[in-house]
Amino acid sequence: KGQTLRWNALDGEKIAGETMDEDETDPKAAKKFEPLVFDTLSIGELTTYIVELKEEISRAEAAIDAKRSFRESAQDVFRG
C-alpha cells in the first residue's frame, strides 16, 4: 500500500492516508451473501434471522432510493 491524499467530503480538507488494495475498491469484490444452513437452527433463531434479513432489505432499499435521488439531482444540474 502506498500513501495518497484524499478529500474529506464533509469539510473539504485533504487527508493523508494509505491507498486501498484493488479488492477493497472493486464493488464486485464486495462480500457475497452466504446462506445459512437451516438444519441446526431453532424456530426462534430462524425467526430472528428473518427479521434481520428484512431490516437489511429495508436498508438496501433506502440506499437505492438515496442513490436514485442523488443521480436525478445531478442529472437536473446538467440539464440546466
Protein backbone atom coordinates (compact mmCIF):
# COMPACT_ATOMS: atom_id res chain seq x y z
CA LYS A 1 0.00 0.00 0.00
CA GLY A 2 1.23 3.50 -0.76
CA GLN A 3 0.45 6.94 0.56
CA THR A 4 -2.20 9.10 -1.04
CA LEU A 5 -4.17 12.26 -0.38
CA ARG A 6 -7.93 12.22 -0.35
CA TRP A 7 -10.58 14.83 0.33
CA ASN A 8 -12.76 14.81 3.39
CA ALA A 9 -16.16 15.25 1.76
CA LEU A 10 -17.69 16.89 4.83
CA ASP A 11 -15.32 19.82 5.26
CA GLY A 12 -13.12 19.81 2.15
CA GLU A 13 -9.83 19.10 3.94
CA LYS A 14 -7.07 16.97 2.45
CA ILE A 15 -6.31 13.86 4.47
CA ALA A 16 -3.17 11.75 4.11
CA GLY A 17 -3.78 8.05 4.15
CA GLU A 18 -2.85 4.73 2.70
CA THR A 19 -4.12 3.68 -0.68
CA MET A 20 -6.60 0.85 -0.71
CA ASP A 21 -5.92 -2.52 -2.22
CA GLU A 22 -7.69 -3.10 -5.51
CA ASP A 23 -10.09 -5.60 -3.98
CA GLU A 24 -11.14 -3.01 -1.36
CA THR A 25 -12.24 -0.55 -4.06
CA ASP A 26 -13.77 -3.03 -6.50
CA PRO A 27 -17.53 -3.13 -5.91
CA LYS A 28 -17.66 -6.61 -7.45
CA ALA A 29 -15.29 -7.80 -4.72
CA ALA A 30 -17.90 -7.00 -2.07
CA LYS A 31 -18.71 -9.88 0.23
CA LYS A 32 -21.28 -12.17 -1.30
CA PHE A 33 -24.33 -13.31 0.61
CA GLU A 34 -23.71 -16.61 2.40
CA PRO A 35 -26.94 -18.54 3.03
CA LEU A 36 -27.21 -20.26 6.39
CA VAL A 37 -27.72 -23.98 6.85
CA PHE A 38 -31.13 -24.14 8.47
CA ASP A 39 -30.88 -27.71 9.78
CA THR A 40 -29.24 -26.69 13.05
CA LEU A 41 -31.29 -23.54 13.75
CA SER A 42 -34.29 -23.41 16.07
CA ILE A 43 -37.60 -21.80 15.12
CA GLY A 44 -36.69 -18.79 17.27
CA GLU A 45 -33.31 -18.43 15.57
CA LEU A 46 -34.93 -18.68 12.14
CA THR A 47 -37.50 -16.05 13.13
CA THR A 48 -34.74 -13.71 14.31
CA TYR A 49 -32.84 -14.36 11.07
CA ILE A 50 -35.90 -13.40 9.02
CA VAL A 51 -36.32 -10.16 11.00
CA GLU A 52 -32.64 -9.29 10.44
CA LEU A 53 -32.91 -10.03 6.72
CA LYS A 54 -36.00 -7.83 6.39
CA GLU A 55 -34.16 -5.00 8.17
CA GLU A 56 -31.21 -5.43 5.80
CA ILE A 57 -33.54 -5.40 2.78
CA SER A 58 -35.09 -2.14 4.05
CA ARG A 59 -31.63 -0.65 4.48
CA ALA A 60 -30.63 -1.69 0.95
CA GLU A 61 -33.85 -0.24 -0.49
CA ALA A 62 -33.21 3.06 1.33
CA ALA A 63 -29.68 3.15 -0.11
CA ILE A 64 -31.08 2.56 -3.61
CA ASP A 65 -33.62 5.37 -3.14
CA ALA A 66 -30.91 7.74 -1.93
CA LYS A 67 -28.65 6.90 -4.89
CA ARG A 68 -31.50 7.37 -7.36
CA SER A 69 -32.37 10.72 -5.81
CA PHE A 70 -28.74 11.84 -5.97
CA ARG A 71 -28.44 10.72 -9.60
CA GLU A 72 -31.64 12.57 -10.54
CA SER A 73 -30.40 15.73 -8.81
CA ALA A 74 -27.09 15.51 -10.66
CA GLN A 75 -28.88 14.99 -13.97
CA ASP A 76 -31.06 18.06 -13.29
CA VAL A 77 -27.94 20.17 -12.75
CA PHE A 78 -26.51 19.15 -16.11
CA ARG A 79 -29.81 19.53 -17.96
CA GLY A 80 -29.90 23.07 -16.59
